[in-house]
Protein backbone atom coordinates (compact mmCIF):
# COMPACT_ATOMS: atom_id res chain seq x y z
CA UNK A 1 106.82 162.97 181.61
CA UNK A 2 104.15 161.54 178.67
CA UNK A 3 104.57 162.39 175.58
CA UNK A 4 101.82 165.08 175.96
CA UNK A 5 103.45 167.27 178.64
CA UNK A 6 106.80 166.76 177.34
CA UNK A 7 105.53 168.19 173.57
CA UNK A 8 103.59 171.03 175.86
CA UNK A 9 106.94 172.29 177.83
CA UNK A 10 108.83 171.95 174.63
CA UNK A 11 106.49 174.60 173.05
CA UNK A 12 106.43 176.64 175.91
CA UNK A 13 110.22 177.05 175.86
CA UNK A 14 110.29 177.38 171.99
CA UNK A 15 107.64 180.53 172.43
CA UNK A 16 108.83 182.02 175.68
CA UNK A 17 112.38 183.28 173.76
CA UNK A 18 110.50 185.51 170.87
CA UNK A 19 108.36 187.47 173.69
CA UNK A 20 111.03 187.55 175.89
CA UNK A 21 113.52 188.91 173.01
CA UNK A 22 110.38 191.27 171.89
CA UNK A 23 110.09 192.67 175.47
CA UNK A 24 113.84 193.12 176.20
CA UNK A 25 114.25 195.27 172.50
CA UNK A 26 111.63 196.84 172.53
CA UNK A 27 109.76 197.59 175.95
CA UNK A 28 113.11 198.83 178.08
CA UNK A 29 110.73 200.38 180.55
CA UNK A 30 110.63 196.47 181.80
CA UNK A 31 114.12 196.12 182.61
CA UNK A 32 113.80 197.69 185.66
CA UNK A 33 110.10 196.92 186.97
CA UNK A 34 110.94 197.98 190.27
CA UNK A 35 113.44 200.58 190.12
CA UNK A 36 116.71 199.39 189.74
CA UNK A 37 118.87 196.73 191.23
CA UNK A 38 117.64 195.53 194.81
CA UNK A 39 114.10 197.27 194.50
CA UNK A 40 115.97 200.68 193.60
CA UNK A 41 116.92 201.15 197.20
CA UNK A 42 120.54 202.59 197.84
CA UNK A 43 120.65 201.56 201.31
CA UNK A 44 120.44 197.68 200.18
CA UNK A 45 122.70 198.35 197.38
CA UNK A 46 125.32 199.89 199.78
CA UNK A 47 124.78 197.19 202.34
CA UNK A 48 125.86 194.12 199.57
CA UNK A 49 128.87 196.19 198.78
CA UNK A 50 129.50 196.49 202.67
CA UNK A 51 129.21 192.73 203.18
CA UNK A 52 130.51 191.33 200.08
CA UNK A 53 134.03 193.45 201.14
CA UNK A 54 133.77 192.54 204.67
CA UNK A 55 133.24 188.88 203.58
CA UNK A 56 136.12 188.75 200.86
CA UNK A 57 133.55 186.92 198.54
CA UNK A 58 134.79 184.08 196.02
CA UNK A 59 131.47 183.56 194.77
CA UNK A 60 128.12 184.68 194.77
CA UNK A 61 124.79 182.75 193.85
CA UNK A 62 121.40 184.26 193.12
CA UNK A 63 117.88 182.77 193.29
CA UNK A 64 115.09 184.34 191.32
CA UNK A 65 116.88 186.29 188.67
CA UNK A 66 113.80 187.61 187.48
CA UNK A 67 114.58 189.79 184.71
CA UNK A 68 118.00 190.44 185.46
CA UNK A 69 118.33 193.64 187.05
CA UNK A 70 120.26 193.24 190.42
CA UNK A 71 122.18 190.14 188.59
CA UNK A 72 123.76 192.82 186.34
CA UNK A 73 124.27 195.44 189.31
CA UNK A 74 125.95 192.40 191.20
CA UNK A 75 128.36 191.56 188.00
CA UNK A 76 128.96 195.07 187.33
CA UNK A 77 130.53 195.22 191.01
CA UNK A 78 132.92 192.17 191.52
CA UNK A 79 134.87 189.61 189.18
CA UNK A 80 133.82 186.53 191.10
CA UNK A 81 131.57 183.62 189.56
CA UNK A 82 128.23 185.00 189.75
CA UNK A 83 125.14 181.70 189.75
CA UNK A 84 121.77 182.97 189.19
CA UNK A 85 118.63 180.98 188.59
CA UNK A 86 115.24 181.48 187.45
CA UNK A 87 112.07 179.30 187.48
CA UNK A 88 109.92 181.19 185.06
CA UNK A 89 111.12 180.77 181.42
CA UNK A 90 110.54 183.82 180.31
CA UNK A 91 112.25 185.99 182.59
CA UNK A 92 114.87 183.04 182.35
CA UNK A 93 115.29 184.36 178.50
CA UNK A 94 115.01 187.89 179.05
CA UNK A 95 117.91 187.91 181.82
CA UNK A 96 120.03 185.74 179.24
CA UNK A 97 120.23 188.27 176.88
CA UNK A 98 120.68 190.93 179.46
CA UNK A 99 123.61 189.26 180.80
CA UNK A 100 125.11 187.66 177.64
CA UNK A 101 128.10 190.30 177.97
CA UNK A 102 129.04 189.10 181.80
CA UNK A 103 131.18 185.95 181.27
CA UNK A 104 131.87 185.57 184.75
CA UNK A 105 127.40 185.12 185.28
CA UNK A 106 126.22 181.61 185.27
CA UNK A 107 122.40 181.55 184.01
CA UNK A 108 119.92 178.51 184.69
CA UNK A 109 115.94 177.50 184.38
CA UNK A 110 115.55 175.69 187.35
CA UNK A 111 113.65 175.16 190.66
CA UNK A 112 116.13 177.17 193.33
CA UNK A 113 116.02 173.97 195.98
CA UNK A 114 117.29 171.41 192.91
CA UNK A 115 120.08 174.22 191.66
CA UNK A 116 121.30 174.59 194.78
CA UNK A 117 121.74 170.94 195.22
CA UNK A 118 123.22 170.93 192.23
CA UNK A 119 125.68 173.81 192.86
CA UNK A 120 126.37 172.12 196.14
CA UNK A 121 127.83 169.10 194.30
CA UNK A 122 130.02 170.79 192.22
CA UNK A 123 133.48 170.93 192.82
CA UNK A 124 133.81 173.87 191.01
CA UNK A 125 131.70 175.88 193.25
CA UNK A 126 133.50 177.32 196.14
CA UNK A 127 132.04 176.06 199.22
CA UNK A 128 133.57 179.21 201.67
CA UNK A 129 133.10 182.83 201.46
CA UNK A 130 129.58 182.87 199.66
CA UNK A 131 126.98 185.64 199.53
CA UNK A 132 123.47 184.43 198.16
CA UNK A 133 120.63 186.16 197.71
CA UNK A 134 117.62 184.15 197.92
CA UNK A 135 114.41 186.00 195.99
CA UNK A 136 113.03 182.79 194.63
CA UNK A 137 110.09 183.85 196.83
CA UNK A 138 107.22 184.96 195.08
CA UNK A 139 105.03 182.44 193.54
CA UNK A 140 102.66 179.54 195.94
CA UNK A 141 105.75 177.44 196.87
CA UNK A 142 107.51 178.82 199.27
CA UNK A 143 111.39 177.73 198.70
CA UNK A 144 113.21 180.21 202.09
CA UNK A 145 113.86 177.54 204.48
CA UNK A 146 114.84 174.35 202.13
CA UNK A 147 117.18 177.53 200.52
CA UNK A 148 118.94 178.07 203.61
CA UNK A 149 118.67 174.56 204.85
CA UNK A 150 120.78 173.79 201.95
CA UNK A 151 123.23 176.50 201.98
CA UNK A 152 123.68 175.83 205.76
CA UNK A 153 124.44 172.24 204.94
CA UNK A 154 127.37 172.41 202.52
CA UNK A 155 128.62 176.02 202.46
CA UNK A 156 130.95 177.89 205.60
CA UNK A 157 131.39 181.45 206.23
CA UNK A 158 128.29 182.64 204.43
CA UNK A 159 125.95 185.68 204.59
CA UNK A 160 122.67 185.03 202.85
CA UNK A 161 120.59 188.01 202.31
CA UNK A 162 116.57 187.42 201.84
CA UNK A 163 114.42 189.85 200.06
CA UNK A 164 111.05 190.93 201.29
CA UNK A 165 111.94 189.87 204.26
CA UNK A 166 110.44 191.92 207.48
CA UNK A 167 112.59 193.99 209.86
CA UNK A 168 111.34 194.17 213.56
CA UNK A 169 110.50 197.38 214.47
CA UNK A 170 110.42 199.13 211.32
CA UNK A 171 106.98 198.70 209.89
CA UNK A 172 108.19 201.67 207.45
CA UNK A 173 109.88 198.57 205.49
CA UNK A 174 107.24 196.11 203.67
CA UNK A 175 107.74 192.21 203.46
CA UNK A 176 105.75 188.84 201.88
CA UNK A 177 102.88 187.74 204.10
CA UNK A 178 101.47 184.97 201.93
CA UNK A 179 98.71 183.78 204.87
CA UNK A 180 98.62 180.41 206.71
CA UNK A 181 101.76 181.02 208.39
CA UNK A 182 103.59 181.83 205.49
CA UNK A 183 105.15 185.41 206.28
CA UNK A 184 108.53 186.26 205.74
CA UNK A 185 109.44 187.09 209.10
CA UNK A 186 112.35 185.57 211.81
CA UNK A 187 109.59 183.17 213.42
CA UNK A 188 108.52 181.74 210.13
CA UNK A 189 112.29 180.73 209.84
CA UNK A 190 112.15 179.25 213.48
CA UNK A 191 115.01 179.31 215.92
CA UNK A 192 117.70 180.44 214.24
CA UNK A 193 119.99 178.23 216.31
CA UNK A 194 118.89 175.08 214.23
CA UNK A 195 120.67 176.60 211.25
CA UNK A 196 123.58 178.20 212.64
CA UNK A 197 123.08 181.46 211.97
CA UNK A 198 123.11 185.07 213.28
CA UNK A 199 121.07 187.65 211.48
CA UNK A 200 121.65 191.32 210.90
CA UNK A 201 119.52 193.85 209.80
CA UNK A 202 119.29 197.13 207.90
CA UNK A 203 120.73 199.97 209.91
CA UNK A 204 118.98 202.78 207.57
CA UNK A 205 115.15 203.19 208.35
CA UNK A 206 112.90 202.72 205.78
CA UNK A 207 112.25 206.46 206.49
CA UNK A 208 115.69 207.28 204.82
CA UNK A 209 115.73 204.44 202.38
CA UNK A 210 115.10 205.06 198.60
CA UNK A 211 113.19 202.92 195.83
CA UNK A 212 110.51 200.46 197.12
CA UNK A 213 111.24 200.09 200.75
CA UNK A 214 111.28 196.34 200.97
CA UNK A 215 112.54 194.67 203.83
CA UNK A 216 115.39 192.28 203.98
CA UNK A 217 117.56 190.05 206.72
CA UNK A 218 121.16 189.01 206.09
CA UNK A 219 121.91 185.53 207.39
CA UNK A 220 125.43 184.77 208.42
CA UNK A 221 126.98 181.49 210.28
CA UNK A 222 129.42 181.99 212.90
CA UNK A 223 132.34 182.98 210.66
CA UNK A 224 130.40 185.28 208.25
CA UNK A 225 128.87 187.13 211.28
CA UNK A 226 132.56 187.52 212.83
CA UNK A 227 133.38 189.90 209.69
CA UNK A 228 129.93 191.30 209.25
CA UNK A 229 130.26 192.61 212.87
CA UNK A 230 131.90 195.50 211.43
CA UNK A 231 129.09 196.32 208.91
CA UNK A 232 127.80 200.00 209.17
CA UNK A 233 125.12 199.05 207.28
CA UNK A 234 123.83 196.66 209.26
CA UNK A 235 123.31 195.86 213.10
CA UNK A 236 122.72 192.96 215.15
CA UNK A 237 119.18 191.29 215.79
C-alpha cells in the first residue's frame, strides 16, 4: 500500500468513528433497520435457539455484523464465545458501541474469508460444535462459497445458517439474486456432497413468518445433521 492509499485509509478509519457514534446515540431507529434480530423473523429466531440447543454449541461465528442487531440477540441468548466480523468501517464502529457490554463477543473489521482463515489458525477457537451465521453477502463480492469451504475444511460437528437464501417450493421467502448466476440457492452452491453437508429449510411457511420474511438454509455436516434430525423448526431438503 503506497503512502497516499495508507493516508486515505487512515482518514476513513478516523472519520467513520464519530459518524457511527452519532448514529448510535442520536438515531436509535438505525439500530434495527430490518425489524430486529434475524430480520425480525420470530420463526428464524426460534430455529436459531433450537439449533444451538440441539448442537450444544461451544462457540458461534457470524460474518456480516452490520449494525449488530442479530449479534446482540445471539449474545443475550448464550454465554459461549461469539466471534463476529464486519467489512464496512461505519457499521463496524456502530456495532462495537452496541456490543461493548458483552464480554464474550469479539468483533473484528476484516474480510469474512480472511477472518475465517484467521479463526481456523487460532487454537483458542473451538473447532467442534460451532454454529456459523453467514450474512456477509451484501455487496458485489460474494464470499459465500469460499466461507463454506473454509468452515468445512477446519471445523466439524457444525451447523451453518445462511441468510437471504432461496427456500424451495415457498416463493413467499425472499432471497438474494445478484445476476450472472449469483443466486443464493442450492444450485449456486453446487453438490453439497463436495462439502460433506446436508441442507435443512424452515418448517414454518413464509405466510406464517414475521418480519422481512427472508429465506434461509441450515447446512450441517454428518455429525451436526444427526443432532438437527430432531429439530421441529427445520426439515431436511
